[in-house]
Protein backbone atom coordinates (compact mmCIF):
# COMPACT_ATOMS: atom_id res chain seq x y z
CA MET A 1 65.14 3.51 99.79
CA LYS A 2 64.93 7.71 98.70
CA VAL A 3 65.02 9.24 94.96
CA SER A 4 66.07 12.73 93.84
CA ARG A 5 62.85 14.72 93.51
CA LYS A 6 64.33 16.19 90.16
CA LYS A 7 64.42 12.43 88.72
CA ILE A 8 60.81 11.76 89.86
CA VAL A 9 59.42 14.79 88.50
CA GLY A 10 61.37 14.47 85.06
CA PHE A 11 60.07 11.18 84.49
CA CYS A 12 56.27 12.47 84.65
CA GLU A 13 56.75 15.10 83.13
CA GLU A 14 57.92 13.08 80.69
CA TYR A 15 55.98 10.39 80.46
CA LEU A 16 52.66 12.27 80.60
CA LYS A 17 53.99 14.52 77.62
CA VAL A 18 53.50 17.85 79.45
CA GLY A 19 54.39 20.42 76.75
CA LYS A 20 51.90 19.53 74.37
CA PHE A 21 49.24 21.01 76.41
CA GLU A 22 47.91 23.82 76.79
CA ASP A 23 46.70 24.23 80.56
CA HIS A 24 45.09 26.65 83.33
CA CYS A 25 47.12 24.94 85.82
CA VAL A 26 50.85 24.28 86.59
CA ASN A 27 51.97 20.75 85.70
CA GLY A 28 55.02 19.18 87.47
CA LEU A 29 56.47 20.70 90.52
CA GLN A 30 54.70 23.49 92.33
CA VAL A 31 56.47 23.96 95.65
CA GLN A 32 59.87 22.85 96.12
CA GLY A 33 60.22 20.95 98.74
CA ALA A 34 62.99 18.02 100.03
CA GLU A 35 65.65 16.96 97.88
CA GLN A 36 65.14 13.41 98.62
CA VAL A 37 62.05 11.18 98.42
CA GLY A 38 60.67 8.00 99.82
CA LYS A 39 57.51 8.22 100.00
CA ILE A 40 54.98 9.93 97.75
CA ILE A 41 51.58 10.58 98.82
CA THR A 42 48.39 11.27 96.21
CA GLY A 43 45.20 12.49 95.73
CA VAL A 44 42.86 13.88 93.40
CA SER A 45 42.85 17.58 95.10
CA LEU A 46 45.33 19.48 97.17
CA SER A 47 43.21 20.11 100.42
CA ARG A 48 44.58 20.69 104.27
CA LYS A 49 43.23 17.58 105.12
CA LEU A 50 45.93 15.92 101.96
CA ILE A 51 48.81 18.05 103.46
CA GLU A 52 47.90 16.85 107.18
CA ALA A 53 47.58 13.29 106.05
CA ALA A 54 51.13 13.21 103.81
CA LEU A 55 52.41 14.75 107.05
CA SER A 56 51.06 11.85 109.53
CA LYS A 57 52.49 9.43 107.24
CA ASN A 58 56.17 11.48 107.17
CA ALA A 59 56.12 11.87 103.32
CA GLN A 60 58.46 13.74 100.93
CA MET A 61 55.82 14.46 98.27
CA ILE A 62 52.25 14.96 97.75
CA MET A 63 51.18 14.61 94.16
CA VAL A 64 47.67 15.40 92.84
CA HIS A 65 45.76 16.06 89.92
CA HIS A 66 44.50 19.29 90.83
CA GLY A 67 47.06 21.26 92.71
CA LEU A 68 47.75 24.34 94.64
CA PHE A 69 47.16 27.02 91.54
CA ASP A 70 44.61 25.61 89.62
CA SER A 71 41.15 26.70 87.90
CA GLN A 72 40.30 28.18 91.30
CA VAL A 73 42.90 30.94 91.36
CA LYS A 74 43.76 33.70 89.15
CA LYS A 75 47.55 33.95 87.51
CA PRO A 76 48.81 35.31 89.01
CA PRO A 77 47.48 34.02 92.07
CA ARG A 78 47.29 36.12 95.49
CA ILE A 79 48.71 33.90 98.02
CA THR A 80 45.71 34.73 101.09
CA GLY A 81 43.22 32.81 102.92
CA PHE A 82 43.07 29.02 102.30
CA LEU A 83 46.17 29.28 99.89
CA LYS A 84 48.47 30.88 102.21
CA ASP A 85 47.64 27.91 104.87
CA ARG A 86 48.12 25.53 102.74
CA LEU A 87 51.46 27.08 101.34
CA ARG A 88 52.71 27.07 104.88
CA LEU A 89 52.08 24.02 105.40
CA LEU A 90 54.06 22.41 102.34
CA LEU A 91 56.90 25.21 103.18
CA GLU A 92 57.34 24.31 106.36
CA ASN A 93 57.53 21.08 106.25
CA ASP A 94 59.68 21.15 103.21
CA LEU A 95 57.00 18.79 101.22
CA ASN A 96 57.01 18.40 97.66
CA LEU A 97 53.95 19.32 95.90
CA CYS A 98 53.26 18.00 92.61
CA GLY A 99 50.09 18.42 90.00
CA PHE A 100 49.47 17.06 86.80
CA HIS A 101 45.98 18.28 85.11
CA LEU A 102 45.13 18.06 81.61
CA PRO A 103 48.25 15.08 80.95
CA LEU A 104 46.66 12.92 83.32
CA ASP A 105 43.15 13.09 81.96
CA ALA A 106 44.41 12.74 78.24
CA HIS A 107 47.25 9.75 78.65
CA PRO A 108 46.20 6.87 76.29
CA LYS A 109 47.37 4.17 79.27
CA ILE A 110 47.24 5.63 82.61
CA GLY A 111 44.99 8.58 81.98
CA ASN A 112 41.67 9.13 83.61
CA ASN A 113 39.53 8.72 80.52
CA ILE A 114 41.29 5.74 79.22
CA SER A 115 40.92 4.18 82.26
CA LEU A 116 37.15 5.11 82.73
CA CYS A 117 36.82 3.29 79.89
CA ARG A 118 38.52 -0.01 79.95
CA LEU A 119 36.14 0.26 83.71
CA LEU A 120 32.90 0.37 81.78
CA GLY A 121 33.55 -1.31 78.61
CA VAL A 122 33.82 1.35 76.01
CA GLU A 123 35.79 -0.39 73.74
CA LYS A 124 34.33 -0.94 70.05
CA ASP A 125 36.39 1.45 67.17
CA ARG A 126 37.81 3.71 70.57
CA ARG A 127 38.82 6.89 69.52
CA PRO A 128 40.01 10.34 71.13
CA TYR A 129 37.81 12.90 71.52
CA ASP A 130 38.93 16.09 73.26
CA ILE A 131 40.98 14.67 76.23
CA GLY A 132 38.56 11.88 76.13
CA PHE A 133 37.54 9.35 74.11
CA ILE A 134 34.17 7.86 71.71
CA GLY A 135 33.88 4.30 71.64
CA GLY A 136 30.82 1.53 71.55
CA LEU A 137 29.98 -0.64 74.22
CA LYS A 138 31.64 -3.67 74.33
CA ASN A 139 27.97 -5.20 75.32
CA GLU A 140 25.54 -2.77 74.38
CA MET A 141 22.90 -2.12 77.13
CA SER A 142 19.67 -0.64 78.47
CA PHE A 143 20.08 2.99 79.48
CA ALA A 144 19.25 1.96 83.20
CA GLY A 145 21.82 -1.18 83.29
CA PHE A 146 24.59 1.57 81.80
CA VAL A 147 23.63 4.27 84.61
CA GLY A 148 23.66 0.95 87.23
CA LEU A 149 27.08 0.04 86.12
CA VAL A 150 28.25 3.30 86.01
CA ASN A 151 27.17 3.66 89.90
CA LYS A 152 28.40 -0.11 90.58
CA LYS A 153 31.83 0.71 89.19
CA LEU A 154 32.68 4.25 90.13
CA GLY A 155 30.76 4.08 94.27
CA VAL A 156 28.29 7.06 93.34
CA ARG A 157 25.10 7.87 92.62
CA ALA A 158 25.15 9.65 89.50
CA TYR A 159 22.91 12.03 87.51
CA ALA A 160 21.72 10.70 84.47
CA LEU A 161 19.13 12.10 81.81
CA ASN A 162 17.80 9.50 79.50
CA ALA A 163 16.88 12.03 76.92
CA GLY A 164 18.10 10.03 74.11
CA PRO A 165 18.03 6.22 73.18
CA LYS A 166 16.87 3.55 75.54
CA ARG A 167 19.63 1.25 74.87
CA VAL A 168 23.14 2.64 74.94
CA LYS A 169 25.43 1.93 72.00
CA ARG A 170 27.93 4.33 71.84
CA VAL A 171 29.46 6.35 74.71
CA ALA A 172 31.56 10.21 74.99
CA VAL A 173 33.50 9.53 78.17
CA VAL A 174 35.64 13.15 79.13
CA SER A 175 36.50 13.44 82.91
CA GLY A 176 35.75 16.17 85.08
CA GLY A 177 34.15 19.55 84.63
CA ALA A 178 33.07 18.69 80.50
CA SER A 179 29.71 18.97 80.01
CA PRO A 180 30.59 22.10 77.24
CA TRP A 181 31.86 19.06 75.13
CA PHE A 182 28.42 17.22 75.08
CA GLN A 183 27.18 18.62 71.68
CA GLY A 184 30.60 18.16 69.78
CA ALA A 185 30.34 14.21 70.96
CA VAL A 186 26.68 13.93 69.95
CA GLU A 187 27.50 15.16 66.25
CA ALA A 188 30.58 12.67 66.32
CA GLY A 189 28.54 9.93 66.76
CA ALA A 190 27.93 9.06 70.44
CA ASP A 191 24.29 8.59 71.89
CA THR A 192 25.46 9.06 75.81
CA PHE A 193 27.69 11.62 77.32
CA LEU A 194 29.71 10.50 80.80
CA CYS A 195 31.87 13.34 82.39
CA GLY A 196 31.45 14.68 85.65
CA GLU A 197 29.56 17.58 86.15
CA ILE A 198 26.57 19.22 84.41
CA GLN A 199 26.12 22.52 83.54
CA GLU A 200 22.36 23.72 83.61
CA PRO A 201 21.94 24.76 79.90
CA VAL A 202 22.66 21.01 78.69
CA VAL A 203 19.36 19.22 80.12
CA ARG A 204 17.79 21.11 78.11
CA ALA A 205 20.24 20.92 75.07
CA ALA A 206 20.20 16.79 75.77
CA GLU A 207 17.04 17.22 75.43
CA GLU A 208 16.62 18.53 72.26
CA LEU A 209 19.68 16.66 71.06
CA GLU A 210 18.11 13.19 71.73
CA ALA A 211 20.89 12.51 73.82
CA ASN A 212 21.30 10.89 77.13
CA PHE A 213 23.92 12.54 79.78
CA ILE A 214 25.65 10.97 82.89
CA SER A 215 26.71 12.96 85.60
CA ALA A 216 29.32 10.54 87.50
CA GLY A 217 31.28 13.76 90.17
CA HIS A 218 34.05 15.42 89.09
CA TYR A 219 36.04 13.90 91.56
CA ASN A 220 34.75 10.45 91.11
CA THR A 221 35.65 10.14 87.12
CA GLU A 222 39.29 11.92 88.10
CA LYS A 223 40.51 9.19 91.19
CA LEU A 224 41.94 6.35 88.20
CA GLY A 225 44.58 8.53 86.56
CA ILE A 226 46.66 9.59 89.81
CA GLN A 227 46.05 6.10 90.76
CA ASN A 228 47.51 4.68 88.25
CA LEU A 229 50.47 7.20 88.50
CA GLY A 230 51.50 5.97 91.75
CA LYS A 231 51.59 2.42 91.25
CA LEU A 232 53.79 3.11 87.90
CA LEU A 233 55.79 5.45 90.22
CA ALA A 234 56.36 2.77 93.45
CA GLY A 235 57.22 0.15 90.73
CA LYS A 236 60.35 2.27 88.42
CA PHE A 237 61.52 3.96 91.93
CA LYS A 238 60.90 1.52 94.39
CA VAL A 239 59.84 4.24 96.77
CA GLU A 240 56.48 3.71 98.74
CA VAL A 241 53.38 5.63 97.31
CA VAL A 242 49.86 5.77 99.21
CA PHE A 243 46.97 7.11 97.84
CA VAL A 244 44.61 9.02 99.91
CA ASP A 245 40.69 9.22 99.16
CA ILE A 246 39.14 12.09 100.28
CA PRO A 247 35.47 11.65 99.24
CA CYS A 248 33.64 14.25 97.50
CA GLU A 249 30.63 14.22 95.38
CA ILE A 250 30.68 16.95 93.47
């Protein structure tokens, strides 16, 4: 069964409330391809490997969290080097490319951060914080135990700084490169901050604020949202959706 590109993109834009976000990325259709879509490849970040995987599976659409026109590209972009190669592959093969960035981080049902909260038991008195959430653990545990849980559930070896309490009670979860939001989370009551990347100045700041910090990898904290979106599209439109995992420890 095939569905029009317009229906798929329109549904995603409405469901993810794209219009509510100011983002440095293009949310929605980034490159126009085939009008009818029967197979979608999803992934965290666009790459030549992901495009080649889509071609090998005869897909008509790629849907990602980090697309062609992302933070690494200044506006207006120069289509040179690796960007030219990626764009050429997409255009030559009539492949649609869609990207959803902050709307997919923040979505309260299928987003990256709510999914991380559910996975890690961040459930008590949970409330939004920026594009993420702050909440109490369902079962309080030692810092070492919580880090072990993060590693097990996400399949990572997280960088963990135990500069705060030995027992974790209240956690802020903000996926990806969110370490600049660390101090605000501590001021809002979190004893532990979980994100995807840590910036060097945050190490000393965490010690001075006496708070814990866990960096579990940008890629690995942002896999769940795009997988959830793929499942939603497969169920709604009866198209085949395949998630392609291209591991990255960063």
